[in-house]
Every structure is written in structure tokens, then in C-alpha cells.
N, C-alpha and C. Protein backbone atom coordinates (compact mmCIF):
# COMPACT_ATOMS: atom_id res chain seq x y z
N MET A 1 99.72 89.09 132.78
CA MET A 1 98.74 90.02 132.17
C MET A 1 97.17 89.75 132.71
N ASP A 2 96.52 90.78 133.23
CA ASP A 2 95.20 90.44 133.63
C ASP A 2 94.06 90.29 132.60
N ARG A 3 93.16 89.44 132.75
CA ARG A 3 92.12 89.51 131.62
C ARG A 3 91.15 90.68 131.55
N SER A 4 91.49 91.55 132.55
CA SER A 4 90.69 92.61 132.13
C SER A 4 91.48 93.88 131.48
N SER A 5 92.61 93.63 131.29
CA SER A 5 93.50 94.76 130.70
C SER A 5 93.50 94.77 129.26
N LEU A 6 93.41 95.65 128.59
CA LEU A 6 93.01 96.08 127.25
C LEU A 6 95.11 96.53 126.88
N GLU A 7 95.70 95.83 126.31
CA GLU A 7 97.14 96.48 126.02
C GLU A 7 97.68 95.59 124.80
N ALA A 8 98.85 96.41 124.08
CA ALA A 8 99.54 95.70 122.97
C ALA A 8 100.23 94.58 123.64
N LEU A 9 99.96 93.33 123.29
CA LEU A 9 100.86 92.28 123.11
C LEU A 9 101.87 92.34 122.40
N LEU A 10 103.36 92.60 122.63
CA LEU A 10 104.69 92.89 121.77
C LEU A 10 105.14 91.39 121.91
N THR A 11 105.49 90.84 120.62
CA THR A 11 106.43 89.80 120.67
C THR A 11 107.59 90.14 119.72
N PRO A 12 108.89 90.06 120.32
CA PRO A 12 109.83 90.21 119.93
C PRO A 12 110.52 89.18 118.46
N ILE A 13 110.95 90.07 117.63
CA ILE A 13 111.58 89.06 116.57
C ILE A 13 113.00 89.43 116.37
N VAL A 14 113.71 88.47 116.49
CA VAL A 14 115.39 88.41 116.20
C VAL A 14 115.39 87.95 115.08
N THR A 15 116.14 88.65 113.95
CA THR A 15 116.42 88.47 112.67
C THR A 15 117.58 89.17 112.29
N ALA A 16 118.49 88.82 111.32
CA ALA A 16 119.58 89.48 110.98
C ALA A 16 119.10 90.48 109.93
N ASP A 17 117.71 90.41 109.25
CA ASP A 17 117.31 91.52 108.52
C ASP A 17 115.98 92.23 109.33
N ASP A 18 115.92 93.60 108.85
CA ASP A 18 114.50 94.38 109.45
C ASP A 18 113.46 93.86 108.86
N PRO A 19 112.53 93.09 109.17
CA PRO A 19 111.07 92.34 109.11
C PRO A 19 110.07 93.36 109.01
N THR A 20 110.33 94.99 109.32
CA THR A 20 109.34 95.57 109.31
C THR A 20 108.54 96.11 108.24
N GLY A 21 109.30 95.86 106.98
CA GLY A 21 108.65 96.42 105.65
C GLY A 21 107.79 95.33 105.04
N PHE A 22 107.73 94.18 106.09
CA PHE A 22 106.76 93.00 105.70
C PHE A 22 105.62 92.80 106.15
N ALA A 23 104.28 92.31 105.64
CA ALA A 23 103.26 92.28 106.42
C ALA A 23 103.32 91.23 107.74
N VAL A 24 102.77 91.36 108.84
CA VAL A 24 102.77 90.49 109.93
C VAL A 24 101.56 90.20 110.35
N ARG A 25 101.23 88.95 110.76
CA ARG A 25 99.84 88.57 111.53
C ARG A 25 100.22 87.78 112.89
N VAL A 26 99.43 87.67 113.74
CA VAL A 26 99.54 87.17 114.71
C VAL A 26 98.64 86.29 115.21
N ALA A 27 98.83 85.06 115.67
CA ALA A 27 97.66 84.19 116.58
C ALA A 27 97.92 83.90 117.87
N VAL A 28 96.87 84.14 118.87
CA VAL A 28 97.21 84.18 120.03
C VAL A 28 96.23 82.96 120.71
N LEU A 29 96.97 81.92 121.18
CA LEU A 29 96.51 80.67 121.36
C LEU A 29 96.73 80.02 122.92
N PRO A 30 95.87 79.15 123.44
CA PRO A 30 96.37 78.40 124.37
C PRO A 30 97.51 77.32 123.98
N ASP A 31 98.39 77.43 125.12
CA ASP A 31 99.91 76.90 125.05
C ASP A 31 99.45 75.39 124.69
N GLY A 32 100.17 75.11 123.73
CA GLY A 32 100.12 73.33 123.23
C GLY A 32 99.27 73.44 121.54
N ASP A 33 98.59 74.64 121.56
CA ASP A 33 97.73 74.56 120.37
C ASP A 33 98.70 75.36 119.01
N ARG A 34 98.07 74.84 117.78
CA ARG A 34 98.77 75.28 116.72
C ARG A 34 97.84 76.37 116.13
N PRO A 35 98.17 77.53 115.10
CA PRO A 35 97.54 78.02 114.85
C PRO A 35 96.73 77.39 113.53
N ALA A 36 95.60 77.54 113.38
CA ALA A 36 94.36 77.25 112.00
C ALA A 36 94.23 78.62 111.34
N PRO A 37 94.02 78.15 109.87
CA PRO A 37 93.87 79.71 109.01
C PRO A 37 92.89 80.60 109.27
N GLY A 38 91.92 80.15 110.53
CA GLY A 38 91.19 81.49 110.94
C GLY A 38 91.64 82.52 112.23
N ASP A 39 92.76 81.69 112.96
CA ASP A 39 93.25 82.00 114.02
C ASP A 39 94.06 83.33 113.84
N TRP A 40 94.43 83.55 112.46
CA TRP A 40 95.40 84.70 112.24
C TRP A 40 94.50 86.14 112.32
N HIS A 41 95.39 86.93 112.81
CA HIS A 41 94.94 88.74 112.70
C HIS A 41 95.85 89.29 112.09
N GLU A 42 95.59 90.70 111.45
CA GLU A 42 96.64 91.64 111.06
C GLU A 42 96.89 92.21 112.07
N ALA A 43 98.44 92.39 112.04
CA ALA A 43 99.16 92.75 113.18
C ALA A 43 99.92 94.30 112.65
N GLU A 44 100.63 94.83 113.86
CA GLU A 44 101.36 95.99 113.49
C GLU A 44 102.91 95.74 113.82
N TRP A 45 103.93 96.35 113.11
CA TRP A 45 105.00 96.43 113.69
C TRP A 45 105.43 97.69 114.62
N VAL A 46 106.12 97.34 115.99
CA VAL A 46 106.75 98.62 116.63
C VAL A 46 108.03 98.01 116.87
N THR A 47 108.97 99.10 116.93
CA THR A 47 110.38 99.06 116.97
C THR A 47 110.72 100.03 118.13
N ILE A 48 111.14 98.78 119.46
CA ILE A 48 111.59 99.64 120.57
C ILE A 48 112.99 99.34 120.87
N GLY A 49 113.86 100.45 121.15
CA GLY A 49 115.25 100.05 121.39
C GLY A 49 116.12 99.41 120.25
N GLY A 50 115.60 99.34 119.03
CA GLY A 50 116.25 98.74 117.52
C GLY A 50 115.45 97.26 117.79
N THR A 51 114.85 96.76 118.36
CA THR A 51 114.33 95.67 118.23
C THR A 51 112.70 95.72 117.75
N PRO A 52 112.35 95.14 116.62
CA PRO A 52 111.14 94.76 115.91
C PRO A 52 110.27 93.84 116.83
N TYR A 53 108.98 94.43 116.90
CA TYR A 53 108.00 93.71 117.80
C TYR A 53 106.63 93.59 116.92
N ALA A 54 106.24 92.23 116.78
CA ALA A 54 104.82 92.32 116.28
C ALA A 54 103.88 92.66 117.22
N SER A 55 103.01 93.73 117.02
CA SER A 55 101.91 94.12 118.09
C SER A 55 100.40 93.79 117.83
N LEU A 56 99.92 93.19 118.75
CA LEU A 56 98.37 93.04 118.38
C LEU A 56 97.85 93.50 120.02
N LEU A 57 96.81 94.23 119.75
CA LEU A 57 95.92 94.92 120.76
C LEU A 57 95.18 93.63 121.43
N VAL A 58 94.86 93.25 122.62
CA VAL A 58 94.35 91.90 123.02
C VAL A 58 93.57 92.50 124.32
N GLY A 59 92.69 91.91 124.81
CA GLY A 59 91.80 92.27 126.01
C GLY A 59 90.48 92.84 125.50
N PRO A 60 89.42 93.33 126.65
CA PRO A 60 88.22 93.51 126.40
C PRO A 60 88.29 94.78 125.51
N GLY A 61 87.54 94.51 124.07
CA GLY A 61 87.82 95.55 122.91
C GLY A 61 88.88 95.51 122.28
N GLY A 62 89.65 94.49 122.31
CA GLY A 62 90.85 94.21 121.54
C GLY A 62 90.63 93.47 120.40
N VAL A 63 91.37 93.05 119.56
CA VAL A 63 91.49 92.00 118.71
C VAL A 63 90.95 90.66 119.12
N VAL A 64 91.50 90.50 120.10
CA VAL A 64 91.32 88.86 120.77
C VAL A 64 91.23 89.18 122.42
N GLN A 65 90.44 88.06 122.70
CA GLN A 65 89.97 88.25 124.29
C GLN A 65 90.54 87.24 124.86
N LEU A 66 91.08 87.34 126.11
CA LEU A 66 91.60 85.91 126.58
C LEU A 66 91.15 85.60 127.88
N GLY A 67 90.97 84.63 128.25
CA GLY A 67 90.44 84.20 129.46
C GLY A 67 91.71 83.53 130.37
N PRO A 68 91.59 83.13 131.57
CA PRO A 68 92.63 82.83 132.56
C PRO A 68 93.10 81.70 131.85
N GLY A 69 94.53 81.77 131.87
CA GLY A 69 95.16 80.39 131.14
C GLY A 69 96.76 80.82 130.71
N ALA A 70 97.13 79.72 130.23
CA ALA A 70 98.54 79.62 129.47
C ALA A 70 98.62 80.20 128.16
N TYR A 71 99.24 80.87 127.22
CA TYR A 71 99.13 81.00 126.04
C TYR A 71 100.14 81.29 125.20
N ARG A 72 100.49 81.34 123.97
CA ARG A 72 101.77 81.52 123.27
C ARG A 72 100.84 82.40 122.09
N ALA A 73 101.95 83.56 121.46
CA ALA A 73 101.77 84.27 120.42
C ALA A 73 102.42 83.57 119.30
N TRP A 74 101.96 83.30 118.10
CA TRP A 74 102.36 82.97 116.82
C TRP A 74 102.80 84.26 116.18
N VAL A 75 103.73 84.48 115.37
CA VAL A 75 103.79 85.52 114.43
C VAL A 75 104.55 85.03 112.94
N GLU A 76 103.57 85.41 112.08
CA GLU A 76 103.78 84.84 110.66
C GLU A 76 104.18 86.49 110.06
N ILE A 77 105.22 86.00 109.24
CA ILE A 77 105.84 87.26 108.50
C ILE A 77 105.64 86.96 107.05
N THR A 78 105.29 87.70 106.17
CA THR A 78 105.21 87.56 104.50
C THR A 78 106.15 88.06 104.16
N ALA A 79 107.12 87.63 103.92
CA ALA A 79 108.22 87.91 103.19
C ALA A 79 108.85 87.10 101.84
N PRO A 80 107.98 87.15 100.84
CA PRO A 80 108.29 86.48 99.56
C PRO A 80 109.56 86.49 99.17
N PRO A 81 110.41 85.06 98.81
CA PRO A 81 109.34 84.07 98.87
C PRO A 81 109.15 83.13 99.88
N GLU A 82 109.60 83.95 101.23
CA GLU A 82 109.66 83.19 102.56
C GLU A 82 108.22 83.40 103.34
N LYS A 83 107.79 82.66 104.06
CA LYS A 83 106.53 83.22 105.06
C LYS A 83 107.09 82.38 106.56
N PRO A 84 107.89 83.01 107.25
CA PRO A 84 108.27 82.39 108.45
C PRO A 84 107.50 82.45 109.62
N VAL A 85 107.17 81.50 110.41
CA VAL A 85 106.39 81.66 111.43
C VAL A 85 107.18 80.93 113.06
N ALA A 86 107.03 82.26 113.63
CA ALA A 86 107.65 82.00 115.06
C ALA A 86 106.79 82.13 116.41
N ARG A 87 106.95 81.64 117.38
CA ARG A 87 106.24 81.63 118.54
C ARG A 87 106.83 82.20 119.68
N SER A 88 105.92 82.79 120.66
CA SER A 88 106.62 83.58 121.77
C SER A 88 106.80 82.59 122.80
N PRO A 89 107.76 82.89 123.85
CA PRO A 89 107.63 82.17 125.21
C PRO A 89 106.18 82.08 125.72
N ARG A 90 105.69 81.45 126.49
CA ARG A 90 104.60 80.96 127.27
C ARG A 90 104.26 82.12 127.80
N PHE A 91 103.24 82.82 128.19
CA PHE A 91 102.68 83.76 129.06
C PHE A 91 101.30 83.49 129.78
N TYR A 92 100.92 84.03 130.93
CA TYR A 92 99.94 83.98 131.49
C TYR A 92 98.69 85.11 131.79
N VAL A 93 97.65 84.71 131.59
CA VAL A 93 96.34 85.77 131.78
C VAL A 93 95.79 85.10 133.15
N ASP A 94 95.92 86.23 133.85
CA ASP A 94 95.14 85.98 135.04
C ASP A 94 93.84 86.09 135.20
């Protein structure tokens, strides 16, 4: 991803049940960091080819602006009584 690009960061969620009826939040952090309470952002669900993705607009003018480096997206799904958290593979911003 180029740091000047404004685009939806899509994080696929693999689960036996459809999570899209639940609230989802995303934190985008440098690789190796874990989310703190203030890092989370409300996200949306997008389904492509039957796979649900947590979607967050990143880049200039987006919810999160990223500089060059390695990052991971963290996804939190509020599905009472559970609140699972998953992280994406590492991705790079140039």
C-alpha cells in the first residue's frame, strides 16, 4: 500500500458463523504493537465472494493515516457474550 493512497483496508474474518450482524472495530498498528483502548475505530462489514471482511478507510483523509513501515490490523467483534479479537498478517506501507 502506498502512504498517499486512500483506500479501504479489508481484513478477512474466517468463522463458522456469519459475524456481519455484530459490531466490529479495527485498530491498525505498527507490527509488534498491541491495541490500547484508544486505538480502536468503528468499522464496517463488507462481504466479497461469501467471505466477510472488516473494512476501515485508511490513508490521507481516512480514519487512520499510515507512514512507511510494517503494520497489522486488529479486528474486534462484539458478539455477546463473546468479544473475539483477531489480527491480520503483516502488511507494508511504502
